[in-house]
Amino acid sequence: MSIYMGYVLGSVALDILANLALEKSNGFARRGWGSAAVLLIMAAFALLALAVWLVFGQRLNLTSWLGVGILILAILLIRLG
């Protein structure tokens, strides 16, 4: 198995855990579970980004990381809204 597949499978596992934590958060009423969900989804995005950028031979620069951060923030704001 390649390192890329390890990143993708890790991302999948973290995403599943994030969804379970989100369910436990009861619509972010339980802030601990809600915070865990956000952190897990951020980690899942980071692993997936690494896999994608490594496959195409590119590196994540500051602008790319900022874009990932904005995407995560947008998802969080949509969920809270």
PDB file of N, CA and C in Angstrom:
ATOM      1  N   MET A   1       0.847  -1.176   0.000  1.00  0.00           N
ATOM      2  CA  MET A   1       0.000   0.000   0.000  1.00  0.00           C
ATOM      3  C   MET A   1       0.898   1.247   0.000  1.00  0.00           C
ATOM      4  N   SER A   2       0.540   2.209  -0.811  1.00  0.00           N
ATOM      5  CA  SER A   2       1.339   3.425  -0.910  1.00  0.00           C
ATOM      6  C   SER A   2       0.987   4.388   0.226  1.00  0.00           C
ATOM      7  N   ILE A   3       1.845   5.351   0.428  1.00  0.00           N
ATOM      8  CA  ILE A   3       1.612   6.372   1.453  1.00  0.00           C
ATOM      9  C   ILE A   3       0.364   7.182   1.128  1.00  0.00           C
ATOM     10  N   TYR A   4       0.071   7.333  -0.166  1.00  0.00           N
ATOM     11  CA  TYR A   4      -1.119   8.087  -0.585  1.00  0.00           C
ATOM     12  C   TYR A   4      -2.386   7.409  -0.081  1.00  0.00           C
ATOM     13  N   MET A   5      -2.436   6.094  -0.241  1.00  0.00           N
ATOM     14  CA  MET A   5      -3.608   5.346   0.222  1.00  0.00           C
ATOM     15  C   MET A   5      -3.713   5.412   1.736  1.00  0.00           C
ATOM     16  N   GLY A   6      -2.589   5.418   2.417  1.00  0.00           N
ATOM     17  CA  GLY A   6      -2.610   5.568   3.873  1.00  0.00           C
ATOM     18  C   GLY A   6      -3.226   6.900   4.285  1.00  0.00           C
ATOM     19  N   TYR A   7      -2.867   7.964   3.567  1.00  0.00           N
ATOM     20  CA  TYR A   7      -3.449   9.276   3.844  1.00  0.00           C
ATOM     21  C   TYR A   7      -4.949   9.285   3.564  1.00  0.00           C
ATOM     22  N   VAL A   8      -5.340   8.691   2.454  1.00  0.00           N
ATOM     23  CA  VAL A   8      -6.764   8.663   2.093  1.00  0.00           C
ATOM     24  C   VAL A   8      -7.558   7.848   3.114  1.00  0.00           C
ATOM     25  N   LEU A   9      -7.056   6.673   3.484  1.00  0.00           N
ATOM     26  CA  LEU A   9      -7.756   5.843   4.462  1.00  0.00           C
ATOM     27  C   LEU A   9      -7.797   6.513   5.834  1.00  0.00           C
ATOM     28  N   GLY A  10      -6.726   7.191   6.199  1.00  0.00           N
ATOM     29  CA  GLY A  10      -6.726   7.955   7.447  1.00  0.00           C
ATOM     30  C   GLY A  10      -7.752   9.072   7.419  1.00  0.00           C
ATOM     31  N   SER A  11      -7.865   9.727   6.281  1.00  0.00           N
ATOM     32  CA  SER A  11      -8.844  10.789   6.114  1.00  0.00           C
ATOM     33  C   SER A  11     -10.269  10.247   6.247  1.00  0.00           C
ATOM     34  N   VAL A  12     -10.514   9.093   5.655  1.00  0.00           N
ATOM     35  CA  VAL A  12     -11.834   8.461   5.747  1.00  0.00           C
ATOM     36  C   VAL A  12     -12.160   8.131   7.200  1.00  0.00           C
ATOM     37  N   ALA A  13     -11.206   7.539   7.907  1.00  0.00           N
ATOM     38  CA  ALA A  13     -11.432   7.176   9.310  1.00  0.00           C
ATOM     39  C   ALA A  13     -11.720   8.416  10.162  1.00  0.00           C
ATOM     40  N   LEU A  14     -10.955   9.483   9.949  1.00  0.00           N
ATOM     41  CA  LEU A  14     -11.183  10.711  10.701  1.00  0.00           C
ATOM     42  C   LEU A  14     -12.524  11.345  10.367  1.00  0.00           C
ATOM     43  N   ASP A  15     -12.934  11.251   9.108  1.00  0.00           N
ATOM     44  CA  ASP A  15     -14.225  11.791   8.706  1.00  0.00           C
ATOM     45  C   ASP A  15     -15.363  11.028   9.375  1.00  0.00           C
ATOM     46  N   ILE A  16     -15.248   9.720   9.445  1.00  0.00           N
ATOM     47  CA  ILE A  16     -16.268   8.917  10.122  1.00  0.00           C
ATOM     48  C   ILE A  16     -16.343   9.297  11.602  1.00  0.00           C
ATOM     49  N   LEU A  17     -15.179   9.415  12.237  1.00  0.00           N
ATOM     50  CA  LEU A  17     -15.155   9.819  13.647  1.00  0.00           C
ATOM     51  C   LEU A  17     -15.742  11.220  13.837  1.00  0.00           C
ATOM     52  N   ALA A  18     -15.470  12.119  12.890  1.00  0.00           N
ATOM     53  CA  ALA A  18     -16.012  13.478  12.967  1.00  0.00           C
ATOM     54  C   ALA A  18     -17.532  13.452  12.884  1.00  0.00           C
ATOM     55  N   ASN A  19     -18.067  12.621  12.008  1.00  0.00           N
ATOM     56  CA  ASN A  19     -19.522  12.530  11.890  1.00  0.00           C
ATOM     57  C   ASN A  19     -20.154  11.932  13.141  1.00  0.00           C
ATOM     58  N   LEU A  20     -19.488  10.966  13.750  1.00  0.00           N
ATOM     59  CA  LEU A  20     -19.991  10.405  14.999  1.00  0.00           C
ATOM     60  C   LEU A  20     -19.970  11.451  16.115  1.00  0.00           C
ATOM     61  N   ALA A  21     -18.891  12.225  16.184  1.00  0.00           N
ATOM     62  CA  ALA A  21     -18.793  13.287  17.191  1.00  0.00           C
ATOM     63  C   ALA A  21     -19.836  14.369  16.931  1.00  0.00           C
ATOM     64  N   LEU A  22     -20.079  14.665  15.670  1.00  0.00           N
ATOM     65  CA  LEU A  22     -21.093  15.669  15.319  1.00  0.00           C
ATOM     66  C   LEU A  22     -22.473  15.217  15.758  1.00  0.00           C
ATOM     67  N   GLU A  23     -22.759  13.947  15.576  1.00  0.00           N
ATOM     68  CA  GLU A  23     -24.042  13.397  16.027  1.00  0.00           C
ATOM     69  C   GLU A  23     -24.163  13.501  17.543  1.00  0.00           C
ATOM     70  N   LYS A  24     -23.088  13.194  18.259  1.00  0.00           N
ATOM     71  CA  LYS A  24     -23.081  13.271  19.716  1.00  0.00           C
ATOM     72  C   LYS A  24     -23.212  14.717  20.219  1.00  0.00           C
ATOM     73  N   SER A  25     -22.809  15.684  19.385  1.00  0.00           N
ATOM     74  CA  SER A  25     -22.821  17.076  19.820  1.00  0.00           C
ATOM     75  C   SER A  25     -24.231  17.647  19.904  1.00  0.00           C
ATOM     76  N   ASN A  26     -25.194  16.951  19.301  1.00  0.00           N
ATOM     77  CA  ASN A  26     -26.586  17.390  19.349  1.00  0.00           C
ATOM     78  C   ASN A  26     -26.729  18.820  18.815  1.00  0.00           C
ATOM     79  N   GLY A  27     -26.258  19.005  17.590  1.00  0.00           N
ATOM     80  CA  GLY A  27     -26.337  20.325  16.967  1.00  0.00           C
ATOM     81  C   GLY A  27     -25.444  21.352  17.624  1.00  0.00           C
ATOM     82  N   PHE A  28     -24.288  20.934  18.100  1.00  0.00           N
ATOM     83  CA  PHE A  28     -23.302  21.762  18.804  1.00  0.00           C
ATOM     84  C   PHE A  28     -23.798  22.236  20.162  1.00  0.00           C
ATOM     85  N   ALA A  29     -24.865  21.608  20.685  1.00  0.00           N
ATOM     86  CA  ALA A  29     -25.315  21.935  22.041  1.00  0.00           C
ATOM     87  C   ALA A  29     -24.295  21.458  23.064  1.00  0.00           C
ATOM     88  N   ARG A  30     -23.665  20.334  22.785  1.00  0.00           N
ATOM     89  CA  ARG A  30     -22.578  19.844  23.628  1.00  0.00           C
ATOM     90  C   ARG A  30     -21.271  20.294  22.995  1.00  0.00           C
ATOM     91  N   ARG A  31     -20.715  21.326  23.518  1.00  0.00           N
ATOM     92  CA  ARG A  31     -19.567  21.985  22.877  1.00  0.00           C
ATOM     93  C   ARG A  31     -18.327  21.098  22.785  1.00  0.00           C
ATOM     94  N   GLY A  32     -18.128  20.221  23.745  1.00  0.00           N
ATOM     95  CA  GLY A  32     -16.963  19.333  23.701  1.00  0.00           C
ATOM     96  C   GLY A  32     -17.005  18.426  22.485  1.00  0.00           C
ATOM     97  N   TRP A  33     -18.156  17.801  22.264  1.00  0.00           N
ATOM     98  CA  TRP A  33     -18.301  16.931  21.092  1.00  0.00           C
ATOM     99  C   TRP A  33     -18.266  17.745  19.800  1.00  0.00           C
ATOM    100  N   GLY A  34     -18.840  18.946  19.827  1.00  0.00           N
ATOM    101  CA  GLY A  34     -18.806  19.807  18.642  1.00  0.00           C
ATOM    102  C   GLY A  34     -17.385  20.219  18.296  1.00  0.00           C
ATOM    103  N   SER A  35     -16.611  20.567  19.312  1.00  0.00           N
ATOM    104  CA  SER A  35     -15.208  20.931  19.085  1.00  0.00           C
ATOM    105  C   SER A  35     -14.417  19.743  18.556  1.00  0.00           C
ATOM    106  N   ALA A  36     -14.687  18.561  19.108  1.00  0.00           N
ATOM    107  CA  ALA A  36     -14.009  17.356  18.625  1.00  0.00           C
ATOM    108  C   ALA A  36     -14.340  17.112  17.161  1.00  0.00           C
ATOM    109  N   ALA A  37     -15.610  17.316  16.786  1.00  0.00           N
ATOM    110  CA  ALA A  37     -16.024  17.116  15.393  1.00  0.00           C
ATOM    111  C   ALA A  37     -15.275  18.065  14.459  1.00  0.00           C
ATOM    112  N   VAL A  38     -15.163  19.323  14.866  1.00  0.00           N
ATOM    113  CA  VAL A  38     -14.464  20.311  14.035  1.00  0.00           C
ATOM    114  C   VAL A  38     -12.988  19.948  13.897  1.00  0.00           C
ATOM    115  N   LEU A  39     -12.354  19.589  14.990  1.00  0.00           N
ATOM    116  CA  LEU A  39     -10.935  19.223  14.937  1.00  0.00           C
ATOM    117  C   LEU A  39     -10.703  17.973  14.093  1.00  0.00           C
ATOM    118  N   LEU A  40     -11.588  17.003  14.220  1.00  0.00           N
ATOM    119  CA  LEU A  40     -11.455  15.779  13.432  1.00  0.00           C
ATOM    120  C   LEU A  40     -11.634  16.050  11.939  1.00  0.00           C
ATOM    121  N   ILE A  41     -12.588  16.882  11.584  1.00  0.00           N
ATOM    122  CA  ILE A  41     -12.807  17.167  10.161  1.00  0.00           C
ATOM    123  C   ILE A  41     -11.635  17.981   9.602  1.00  0.00           C
ATOM    124  N   MET A  42     -11.053  18.840  10.429  1.00  0.00           N
ATOM    125  CA  MET A  42      -9.870  19.585   9.978  1.00  0.00           C
ATOM    126  C   MET A  42      -8.710  18.627   9.719  1.00  0.00           C
ATOM    127  N   ALA A  43      -8.534  17.666  10.599  1.00  0.00           N
ATOM    128  CA  ALA A  43      -7.470  16.679  10.414  1.00  0.00           C
ATOM    129  C   ALA A  43      -7.734  15.826   9.175  1.00  0.00           C
ATOM    130  N   ALA A  44      -9.003  15.475   8.950  1.00  0.00           N
ATOM    131  CA  ALA A  44      -9.361  14.680   7.764  1.00  0.00           C
ATOM    132  C   ALA A  44      -9.053  15.457   6.486  1.00  0.00           C
ATOM    133  N   PHE A  45      -9.402  16.750   6.468  1.00  0.00           N
ATOM    134  CA  PHE A  45      -9.104  17.581   5.305  1.00  0.00           C
ATOM    135  C   PHE A  45      -7.599  17.691   5.086  1.00  0.00           C
ATOM    136  N   ALA A  46      -6.856  17.828   6.159  1.00  0.00           N
ATOM    137  CA  ALA A  46      -5.399  17.956   6.039  1.00  0.00           C
ATOM    138  C   ALA A  46      -4.789  16.694   5.431  1.00  0.00           C
ATOM    139  N   LEU A  47      -5.223  15.515   5.896  1.00  0.00           N
ATOM    140  CA  LEU A  47      -4.704  14.266   5.329  1.00  0.00           C
ATOM    141  C   LEU A  47      -5.097  14.112   3.863  1.00  0.00           C
ATOM    142  N   LEU A  48      -6.336  14.446   3.551  1.00  0.00           N
ATOM    143  CA  LEU A  48      -6.773  14.332   2.164  1.00  0.00           C
ATOM    144  C   LEU A  48      -6.021  15.309   1.269  1.00  0.00           C
ATOM    145  N   ALA A  49      -5.790  16.507   1.776  1.00  0.00           N
ATOM    146  CA  ALA A  49      -5.018  17.492   1.004  1.00  0.00           C
ATOM    147  C   ALA A  49      -3.609  16.990   0.751  1.00  0.00           C
ATOM    148  N   LEU A  50      -2.994  16.386   1.760  1.00  0.00           N
ATOM    149  CA  LEU A  50      -1.655  15.830   1.577  1.00  0.00           C
ATOM    150  C   LEU A  50      -1.656  14.756   0.499  1.00  0.00           C
ATOM    151  N   ALA A  51      -2.647  13.884   0.545  1.00  0.00           N
ATOM    152  CA  ALA A  51      -2.721  12.806  -0.446  1.00  0.00           C
ATOM    153  C   ALA A  51      -2.864  13.371  -1.860  1.00  0.00           C
ATOM    154  N   VAL A  52      -3.767  14.317  -2.015  1.00  0.00           N
ATOM    155  CA  VAL A  52      -4.020  14.880  -3.352  1.00  0.00           C
ATOM    156  C   VAL A  52      -2.796  15.619  -3.866  1.00  0.00           C
ATOM    157  N   TRP A  53      -2.190  16.445  -3.014  1.00  0.00           N
ATOM    158  CA  TRP A  53      -1.039  17.226  -3.478  1.00  0.00           C
ATOM    159  C   TRP A  53       0.163  16.350  -3.733  1.00  0.00           C
ATOM    160  N   LEU A  54       0.317  15.280  -2.969  1.00  0.00           N
ATOM    161  CA  LEU A  54       1.442  14.378  -3.218  1.00  0.00           C
ATOM    162  C   LEU A  54       1.265  13.594  -4.513  1.00  0.00           C
ATOM    163  N   VAL A  55       0.025  13.179  -4.800  1.00  0.00           N
ATOM    164  CA  VAL A  55      -0.241  12.430  -6.033  1.00  0.00           C
ATOM    165  C   VAL A  55       0.115  13.268  -7.256  1.00  0.00           C
ATOM    166  N   PHE A  56      -0.209  14.559  -7.205  1.00  0.00           N
ATOM    167  CA  PHE A  56       0.067  15.426  -8.345  1.00  0.00           C
ATOM    168  C   PHE A  56       1.435  16.098  -8.261  1.00  0.00           C
ATOM    169  N   GLY A  57       2.227  15.736  -7.272  1.00  0.00           N
ATOM    170  CA  GLY A  57       3.578  16.256  -7.156  1.00  0.00           C
ATOM    171  C   GLY A  57       3.660  17.718  -6.774  1.00  0.00           C
ATOM    172  N   GLN A  58       2.657  18.212  -6.073  1.00  0.00           N
ATOM    173  CA  GLN A  58       2.651  19.614  -5.672  1.00  0.00           C
ATOM    174  C   GLN A  58       2.794  19.712  -4.161  1.00  0.00           C
ATOM    175  N   ARG A  59       3.173  20.874  -3.717  1.00  0.00           N
ATOM    176  CA  ARG A  59       3.303  21.146  -2.295  1.00  0.00           C
ATOM    177  C   ARG A  59       2.241  22.161  -1.891  1.00  0.00           C
ATOM    178  N   LEU A  60       1.783  22.039  -0.657  1.00  0.00           N
ATOM    179  CA  LEU A  60       0.850  23.026  -0.121  1.00  0.00           C
ATOM    180  C   LEU A  60       1.647  24.229   0.362  1.00  0.00           C
ATOM    181  N   ASN A  61       1.366  25.373  -0.222  1.00  0.00           N
ATOM    182  CA  ASN A  61       2.012  26.599   0.239  1.00  0.00           C
ATOM    183  C   ASN A  61       1.054  27.340   1.174  1.00  0.00           C
ATOM    184  N   LEU A  62       1.446  28.492   1.625  1.00  0.00           N
ATOM    185  CA  LEU A  62       0.632  29.247   2.575  1.00  0.00           C
ATOM    186  C   LEU A  62      -0.754  29.547   2.009  1.00  0.00           C
ATOM    187  N   THR A  63      -0.829  29.903   0.746  1.00  0.00           N
ATOM    188  CA  THR A  63      -2.109  30.209   0.120  1.00  0.00           C
ATOM    189  C   THR A  63      -3.016  28.980   0.087  1.00  0.00           C
ATOM    190  N   SER A  64      -2.446  27.835  -0.196  1.00  0.00           N
ATOM    191  CA  SER A  64      -3.231  26.600  -0.226  1.00  0.00           C
ATOM    192  C   SER A  64      -3.771  26.257   1.160  1.00  0.00           C
ATOM    193  N   TRP A  65      -2.927  26.360   2.174  1.00  0.00           N
ATOM    194  CA  TRP A  65      -3.378  26.080   3.542  1.00  0.00           C
ATOM    195  C   TRP A  65      -4.443  27.082   3.968  1.00  0.00           C
ATOM    196  N   LEU A  66      -4.300  28.318   3.554  1.00  0.00           N
ATOM    197  CA  LEU A  66      -5.304  29.330   3.862  1.00  0.00           C
ATOM    198  C   LEU A  66      -6.636  28.971   3.215  1.00  0.00           C
ATOM    199  N   GLY A  67      -6.586  28.487   1.984  1.00  0.00           N
ATOM    200  CA  GLY A  67      -7.805  28.048   1.299  1.00  0.00           C
ATOM    201  C   GLY A  67      -8.487  26.898   2.009  1.00  0.00           C
ATOM    202  N   VAL A  68      -7.706  25.935   2.474  1.00  0.00           N
ATOM    203  CA  VAL A  68      -8.274  24.811   3.229  1.00  0.00           C
ATOM    204  C   VAL A  68      -8.906  25.331   4.515  1.00  0.00           C
ATOM    205  N   GLY A  69      -8.242  26.254   5.174  1.00  0.00           N
ATOM    206  CA  GLY A  69      -8.786  26.833   6.401  1.00  0.00           C
ATOM    207  C   GLY A  69     -10.089  27.578   6.166  1.00  0.00           C
ATOM    208  N   ILE A  70     -10.155  28.335   5.081  1.00  0.00           N
ATOM    209  CA  ILE A  70     -11.384  29.061   4.738  1.00  0.00           C
ATOM    210  C   ILE A  70     -12.510  28.087   4.437  1.00  0.00           C
ATOM    211  N   LEU A  71     -12.198  27.015   3.746  1.00  0.00           N
ATOM    212  CA  LEU A  71     -13.202  25.992   3.447  1.00  0.00           C
ATOM    213  C   LEU A  71     -13.755  25.381   4.731  1.00  0.00           C
ATOM    214  N   ILE A  72     -12.884  25.049   5.652  1.00  0.00           N
ATOM    215  CA  ILE A  72     -13.323  24.479   6.928  1.00  0.00           C
ATOM    216  C   ILE A  72     -14.166  25.490   7.700  1.00  0.00           C
ATOM    217  N   LEU A  73     -13.748  26.744   7.721  1.00  0.00           N
ATOM    218  CA  LEU A  73     -14.508  27.785   8.398  1.00  0.00           C
ATOM    219  C   LEU A  73     -15.881  27.957   7.760  1.00  0.00           C
ATOM    220  N   ALA A  74     -15.935  27.911   6.439  1.00  0.00           N
ATOM    221  CA  ALA A  74     -17.218  28.046   5.751  1.00  0.00           C
ATOM    222  C   ALA A  74     -18.161  26.898   6.117  1.00  0.00           C
ATOM    223  N   ILE A  75     -17.654  25.678   6.178  1.00  0.00           N
ATOM    224  CA  ILE A  75     -18.478  24.540   6.554  1.00  0.00           C
ATOM    225  C   ILE A  75     -18.991  24.705   7.980  1.00  0.00           C
ATOM    226  N   LEU A  76     -18.123  25.152   8.862  1.00  0.00           N
ATOM    227  CA  LEU A  76     -18.528  25.376  10.250  1.00  0.00           C
ATOM    228  C   LEU A  76     -19.606  26.443  10.340  1.00  0.00           C
ATOM    229  N   LEU A  77     -19.443  27.547   9.623  1.00  0.00           N
ATOM    230  CA  LEU A  77     -20.428  28.622   9.663  1.00  0.00           C
ATOM    231  C   LEU A  77     -21.772  28.184   9.088  1.00  0.00           C
ATOM    232  N   ILE A  78     -21.739  27.385   8.043  1.00  0.00           N
ATOM    233  CA  ILE A  78     -22.986  26.861   7.471  1.00  0.00           C
ATOM    234  C   ILE A  78     -23.696  25.987   8.495  1.00  0.00           C
ATOM    235  N   ARG A  79     -22.930  25.166   9.165  1.00  0.00           N
ATOM    236  CA  ARG A  79     -23.521  24.267  10.166  1.00  0.00           C
ATOM    237  C   ARG A  79     -24.102  25.038  11.351  1.00  0.00           C
ATOM    238  N   LEU A  80     -23.423  26.092  11.762  1.00  0.00           N
ATOM    239  CA  LEU A  80     -23.906  26.883  12.886  1.00  0.00           C
ATOM    240  C   LEU A  80     -25.086  27.784  12.517  1.00  0.00           C
ATOM    241  N   GLY A  81     -25.218  28.105  11.238  1.00  0.00           N
ATOM    242  CA  GLY A  81     -26.249  29.023  10.779  1.00  0.00           C
ATOM    243  C   GLY A  81     -27.563  28.455  10.597  1.00  0.00           C
TER     244      GLY A  81
END
